[in-house]
Amino acid sequence: MKASELQNAKNPDLIASLVAIKRAASLARQTAIQTNTAIVVIKDGVLCTISAEELKQQEQA
């Protein structure tokens, strides 16, 4: 389901899910930086590892 489709959903929990997912992703990045560990994400269908150093650089940009 796309973000634009979520905004038109009838279930309020479904609408709020996108905000919750973004909040969880932000917390995961913060934790990875604090513990100096990488995170693994799927970007454009490809499994990618992002190091804590890369996360720090992205945060500063």
PDB file of N, CA and C in Angstrom:
ATOM      1  N   MET A   1       0.843  -1.168   0.000  1.00  0.00           N
ATOM      2  CA  MET A   1       0.000   0.000   0.000  1.00  0.00           C
ATOM      3  C   MET A   1       0.894   1.239   0.000  1.00  0.00           C
ATOM      4  N   LYS A   2       0.575   2.181  -0.832  1.00  0.00           N
ATOM      5  CA  LYS A   2       1.359   3.405  -0.951  1.00  0.00           C
ATOM      6  C   LYS A   2       0.907   4.426   0.087  1.00  0.00           C
ATOM      7  N   ALA A   3       1.764   5.398   0.363  1.00  0.00           N
ATOM      8  CA  ALA A   3       1.459   6.431   1.359  1.00  0.00           C
ATOM      9  C   ALA A   3       0.175   7.179   1.002  1.00  0.00           C
ATOM     10  N   SER A   4      -0.023   7.463  -0.272  1.00  0.00           N
ATOM     11  CA  SER A   4      -1.234   8.183  -0.684  1.00  0.00           C
ATOM     12  C   SER A   4      -2.484   7.341  -0.441  1.00  0.00           C
ATOM     13  N   GLU A   5      -2.367   6.023  -0.585  1.00  0.00           N
ATOM     14  CA  GLU A   5      -3.497   5.137  -0.326  1.00  0.00           C
ATOM     15  C   GLU A   5      -3.788   5.053   1.169  1.00  0.00           C
ATOM     16  N   LEU A   6      -2.741   5.115   1.994  1.00  0.00           N
ATOM     17  CA  LEU A   6      -2.928   5.060   3.441  1.00  0.00           C
ATOM     18  C   LEU A   6      -3.749   6.247   3.937  1.00  0.00           C
ATOM     19  N   GLN A   7      -3.528   7.412   3.371  1.00  0.00           N
ATOM     20  CA  GLN A   7      -4.245   8.603   3.797  1.00  0.00           C
ATOM     21  C   GLN A   7      -5.744   8.499   3.528  1.00  0.00           C
ATOM     22  N   ASN A   8      -6.125   7.689   2.582  1.00  0.00           N
ATOM     23  CA  ASN A   8      -7.533   7.527   2.232  1.00  0.00           C
ATOM     24  C   ASN A   8      -8.170   6.301   2.890  1.00  0.00           C
ATOM     25  N   ALA A   9      -7.422   5.604   3.724  1.00  0.00           N
ATOM     26  CA  ALA A   9      -7.929   4.391   4.368  1.00  0.00           C
ATOM     27  C   ALA A   9      -9.038   4.739   5.358  1.00  0.00           C
ATOM     28  N   LYS A  10      -9.944   3.806   5.560  1.00  0.00           N
ATOM     29  CA  LYS A  10     -11.053   4.007   6.488  1.00  0.00           C
ATOM     30  C   LYS A  10     -10.663   3.687   7.922  1.00  0.00           C
ATOM     31  N   ASN A  11      -9.693   2.810   8.102  1.00  0.00           N
ATOM     32  CA  ASN A  11      -9.264   2.398   9.434  1.00  0.00           C
ATOM     33  C   ASN A  11      -8.247   3.404   9.982  1.00  0.00           C
ATOM     34  N   PRO A  12      -8.526   4.062  11.108  1.00  0.00           N
ATOM     35  CA  PRO A  12      -7.590   5.061  11.646  1.00  0.00           C
ATOM     36  C   PRO A  12      -6.236   4.464  12.049  1.00  0.00           C
ATOM     37  N   ASP A  13      -6.222   3.199  12.450  1.00  0.00           N
ATOM     38  CA  ASP A  13      -4.953   2.553  12.790  1.00  0.00           C
ATOM     39  C   ASP A  13      -4.068   2.407  11.558  1.00  0.00           C
ATOM     40  N   LEU A  14      -4.678   2.128  10.446  1.00  0.00           N
ATOM     41  CA  LEU A  14      -3.935   1.989   9.199  1.00  0.00           C
ATOM     42  C   LEU A  14      -3.339   3.334   8.790  1.00  0.00           C
ATOM     43  N   ILE A  15      -4.085   4.391   8.969  1.00  0.00           N
ATOM     44  CA  ILE A  15      -3.605   5.735   8.647  1.00  0.00           C
ATOM     45  C   ILE A  15      -2.391   6.079   9.516  1.00  0.00           C
ATOM     46  N   ALA A  16      -2.457   5.750  10.793  1.00  0.00           N
ATOM     47  CA  ALA A  16      -1.378   6.072  11.729  1.00  0.00           C
ATOM     48  C   ALA A  16      -0.164   5.159  11.568  1.00  0.00           C
ATOM     49  N   SER A  17      -0.311   4.060  10.849  1.00  0.00           N
ATOM     50  CA  SER A  17       0.786   3.093  10.748  1.00  0.00           C
ATOM     51  C   SER A  17       2.018   3.671  10.052  1.00  0.00           C
ATOM     52  N   LEU A  18       1.831   4.530   9.069  1.00  0.00           N
ATOM     53  CA  LEU A  18       2.971   5.110   8.363  1.00  0.00           C
ATOM     54  C   LEU A  18       3.814   5.966   9.311  1.00  0.00           C
ATOM     55  N   VAL A  19       3.170   6.743  10.149  1.00  0.00           N
ATOM     56  CA  VAL A  19       3.882   7.565  11.133  1.00  0.00           C
ATOM     57  C   VAL A  19       4.642   6.666  12.097  1.00  0.00           C
ATOM     58  N   ALA A  20       4.017   5.586  12.540  1.00  0.00           N
ATOM     59  CA  ALA A  20       4.658   4.657  13.474  1.00  0.00           C
ATOM     60  C   ALA A  20       5.874   3.983  12.836  1.00  0.00           C
ATOM     61  N   ILE A  21       5.770   3.619  11.575  1.00  0.00           N
ATOM     62  CA  ILE A  21       6.884   2.978  10.871  1.00  0.00           C
ATOM     63  C   ILE A  21       8.053   3.950  10.734  1.00  0.00           C
ATOM     64  N   LYS A  22       7.761   5.193  10.404  1.00  0.00           N
ATOM     65  CA  LYS A  22       8.825   6.199  10.279  1.00  0.00           C
ATOM     66  C   LYS A  22       9.492   6.453  11.627  1.00  0.00           C
ATOM     67  N   ARG A  23       8.700   6.495  12.696  1.00  0.00           N
ATOM     68  CA  ARG A  23       9.248   6.689  14.035  1.00  0.00           C
ATOM     69  C   ARG A  23      10.152   5.520  14.424  1.00  0.00           C
ATOM     70  N   ALA A  24       9.728   4.306  14.123  1.00  0.00           N
ATOM     71  CA  ALA A  24      10.522   3.114  14.432  1.00  0.00           C
ATOM     72  C   ALA A  24      11.828   3.104  13.641  1.00  0.00           C
ATOM     73  N   ALA A  25      11.780   3.511  12.392  1.00  0.00           N
ATOM     74  CA  ALA A  25      12.988   3.563  11.566  1.00  0.00           C
ATOM     75  C   ALA A  25      13.977   4.582  12.126  1.00  0.00           C
ATOM     76  N   SER A  26      13.473   5.720  12.559  1.00  0.00           N
ATOM     77  CA  SER A  26      14.328   6.751  13.153  1.00  0.00           C
ATOM     78  C   SER A  26      14.991   6.242  14.428  1.00  0.00           C
ATOM     79  N   LEU A  27      14.226   5.574  15.270  1.00  0.00           N
ATOM     80  CA  LEU A  27      14.783   5.020  16.505  1.00  0.00           C
ATOM     81  C   LEU A  27      15.817   3.934  16.215  1.00  0.00           C
ATOM     82  N   ALA A  28      15.593   3.134  15.182  1.00  0.00           N
ATOM     83  CA  ALA A  28      16.553   2.093  14.804  1.00  0.00           C
ATOM     84  C   ALA A  28      17.865   2.726  14.355  1.00  0.00           C
ATOM     85  N   ARG A  29      17.770   3.814  13.595  1.00  0.00           N
ATOM     86  CA  ARG A  29      18.987   4.514  13.163  1.00  0.00           C
ATOM     87  C   ARG A  29      19.740   5.090  14.360  1.00  0.00           C
ATOM     88  N   GLN A  30      19.013   5.709  15.280  1.00  0.00           N
ATOM     89  CA  GLN A  30      19.646   6.278  16.475  1.00  0.00           C
ATOM     90  C   GLN A  30      20.344   5.190  17.300  1.00  0.00           C
ATOM     91  N   THR A  31      19.688   4.067  17.460  1.00  0.00           N
ATOM     92  CA  THR A  31      20.267   2.957  18.223  1.00  0.00           C
ATOM     93  C   THR A  31      21.521   2.422  17.534  1.00  0.00           C
ATOM     94  N   ALA A  32      21.476   2.309  16.219  1.00  0.00           N
ATOM     95  CA  ALA A  32      22.635   1.820  15.461  1.00  0.00           C
ATOM     96  C   ALA A  32      23.825   2.763  15.625  1.00  0.00           C
ATOM     97  N   ILE A  33      23.570   4.062  15.616  1.00  0.00           N
ATOM     98  CA  ILE A  33      24.645   5.035  15.805  1.00  0.00           C
ATOM     99  C   ILE A  33      25.218   4.912  17.214  1.00  0.00           C
ATOM    100  N   GLN A  34      24.352   4.813  18.211  1.00  0.00           N
ATOM    101  CA  GLN A  34      24.795   4.737  19.605  1.00  0.00           C
ATOM    102  C   GLN A  34      25.599   3.474  19.882  1.00  0.00           C
ATOM    103  N   THR A  35      25.243   2.385  19.243  1.00  0.00           N
ATOM    104  CA  THR A  35      25.913   1.106  19.491  1.00  0.00           C
ATOM    105  C   THR A  35      26.982   0.786  18.442  1.00  0.00           C
ATOM    106  N   ASN A  36      27.167   1.711  17.491  1.00  0.00           N
ATOM    107  CA  ASN A  36      28.149   1.558  16.425  1.00  0.00           C
ATOM    108  C   ASN A  36      27.943   0.258  15.645  1.00  0.00           C
ATOM    109  N   THR A  37      26.699   0.008  15.290  1.00  0.00           N
ATOM    110  CA  THR A  37      26.363  -1.166  14.483  1.00  0.00           C
ATOM    111  C   THR A  37      25.679  -0.722  13.192  1.00  0.00           C
ATOM    112  N   ALA A  38      25.638  -1.593  12.249  1.00  0.00           N
ATOM    113  CA  ALA A  38      25.001  -1.305  10.966  1.00  0.00           C
ATOM    114  C   ALA A  38      23.525  -1.695  11.019  1.00  0.00           C
ATOM    115  N   ILE A  39      22.765  -1.144  10.074  1.00  0.00           N
ATOM    116  CA  ILE A  39      21.387  -1.589   9.894  1.00  0.00           C
ATOM    117  C   ILE A  39      21.274  -2.178   8.486  1.00  0.00           C
ATOM    118  N   VAL A  40      20.324  -3.049   8.317  1.00  0.00           N
ATOM    119  CA  VAL A  40      20.095  -3.687   7.025  1.00  0.00           C
ATOM    120  C   VAL A  40      18.717  -3.261   6.536  1.00  0.00           C
ATOM    121  N   VAL A  41      18.671  -2.761   5.312  1.00  0.00           N
ATOM    122  CA  VAL A  41      17.420  -2.297   4.716  1.00  0.00           C
ATOM    123  C   VAL A  41      17.294  -2.857   3.304  1.00  0.00           C
ATOM    124  N   ILE A  42      16.092  -2.827   2.798  1.00  0.00           N
ATOM    125  CA  ILE A  42      15.864  -3.177   1.399  1.00  0.00           C
ATOM    126  C   ILE A  42      15.584  -1.879   0.660  1.00  0.00           C
ATOM    127  N   LYS A  43      16.431  -1.567  -0.308  1.00  0.00           N
ATOM    128  CA  LYS A  43      16.310  -0.328  -1.075  1.00  0.00           C
ATOM    129  C   LYS A  43      16.212  -0.689  -2.550  1.00  0.00           C
ATOM    130  N   ASP A  44      15.109  -0.332  -3.159  1.00  0.00           N
ATOM    131  CA  ASP A  44      14.860  -0.659  -4.563  1.00  0.00           C
ATOM    132  C   ASP A  44      14.981  -2.156  -4.828  1.00  0.00           C
ATOM    133  N   GLY A  45      14.532  -2.961  -3.852  1.00  0.00           N
ATOM    134  CA  GLY A  45      14.536  -4.400  -3.999  1.00  0.00           C
ATOM    135  C   GLY A  45      15.874  -5.067  -3.721  1.00  0.00           C
ATOM    136  N   VAL A  46      16.862  -4.287  -3.270  1.00  0.00           N
ATOM    137  CA  VAL A  46      18.199  -4.816  -3.009  1.00  0.00           C
ATOM    138  C   VAL A  46      18.502  -4.696  -1.521  1.00  0.00           C
ATOM    139  N   LEU A  47      19.028  -5.769  -0.945  1.00  0.00           N
ATOM    140  CA  LEU A  47      19.403  -5.784   0.463  1.00  0.00           C
ATOM    141  C   LEU A  47      20.680  -4.954   0.633  1.00  0.00           C
ATOM    142  N   CYS A  48      20.626  -3.926   1.505  1.00  0.00           N
ATOM    143  CA  CYS A  48      21.757  -3.024   1.711  1.00  0.00           C
ATOM    144  C   CYS A  48      22.101  -2.945   3.191  1.00  0.00           C
ATOM    145  N   THR A  49      23.379  -2.869   3.487  1.00  0.00           N
ATOM    146  CA  THR A  49      23.863  -2.662   4.846  1.00  0.00           C
ATOM    147  C   THR A  49      24.371  -1.237   4.943  1.00  0.00           C
ATOM    148  N   ILE A  50      23.889  -0.500   5.934  1.00  0.00           N
ATOM    149  CA  ILE A  50      24.318   0.881   6.144  1.00  0.00           C
ATOM    150  C   ILE A  50      25.063   0.935   7.471  1.00  0.00           C
ATOM    151  N   SER A  51      26.317   1.326   7.417  1.00  0.00           N
ATOM    152  CA  SER A  51      27.153   1.363   8.618  1.00  0.00           C
ATOM    153  C   SER A  51      26.751   2.531   9.521  1.00  0.00           C
ATOM    154  N   ALA A  52      27.175   2.453  10.761  1.00  0.00           N
ATOM    155  CA  ALA A  52      26.901   3.530  11.714  1.00  0.00           C
ATOM    156  C   ALA A  52      27.531   4.831  11.229  1.00  0.00           C
ATOM    157  N   GLU A  53      28.700   4.740  10.625  1.00  0.00           N
ATOM    158  CA  GLU A  53      29.367   5.937  10.112  1.00  0.00           C
ATOM    159  C   GLU A  53      28.544   6.591   9.003  1.00  0.00           C
ATOM    160  N   GLU A  54      28.008   5.784   8.106  1.00  0.00           N
ATOM    161  CA  GLU A  54      27.148   6.316   7.042  1.00  0.00           C
ATOM    162  C   GLU A  54      25.901   6.966   7.623  1.00  0.00           C
ATOM    163  N   LEU A  55      25.332   6.338   8.644  1.00  0.00           N
ATOM    164  CA  LEU A  55      24.144   6.889   9.306  1.00  0.00           C
ATOM    165  C   LEU A  55      24.450   8.240   9.922  1.00  0.00           C
ATOM    166  N   LYS A  56      25.638   8.367  10.543  1.00  0.00           N
ATOM    167  CA  LYS A  56      26.046   9.632  11.142  1.00  0.00           C
ATOM    168  C   LYS A  56      26.149  10.713  10.055  1.00  0.00           C
ATOM    169  N   GLN A  57      26.728  10.361   8.918  1.00  0.00           N
ATOM    170  CA  GLN A  57      26.872  11.318   7.814  1.00  0.00           C
ATOM    171  C   GLN A  57      25.515  11.739   7.274  1.00  0.00           C
ATOM    172  N   GLN A  58      24.593  10.794   7.149  1.00  0.00           N
ATOM    173  CA  GLN A  58      23.250  11.107   6.676  1.00  0.00           C
ATOM    174  C   GLN A  58      22.526  12.012   7.656  1.00  0.00           C
ATOM    175  N   GLU A  59      22.752  11.810   8.936  1.00  0.00           N
ATOM    176  CA  GLU A  59      22.103  12.615   9.969  1.00  0.00           C
ATOM    177  C   GLU A  59      22.595  14.059   9.916  1.00  0.00           C
ATOM    178  N   GLN A  60      23.861  14.256   9.599  1.00  0.00           N
ATOM    179  CA  GLN A  60      24.446  15.586   9.548  1.00  0.00           C
ATOM    180  C   GLN A  60      24.045  16.349   8.296  1.00  0.00           C
ATOM    181  N   ALA A  61      23.677  15.636   7.255  1.00  0.00           N
ATOM    182  CA  ALA A  61      23.325  16.280   5.971  1.00  0.00           C
ATOM    183  C   ALA A  61      21.959  16.922   5.993  1.00  0.00           C
TER     184      ALA A  61
END
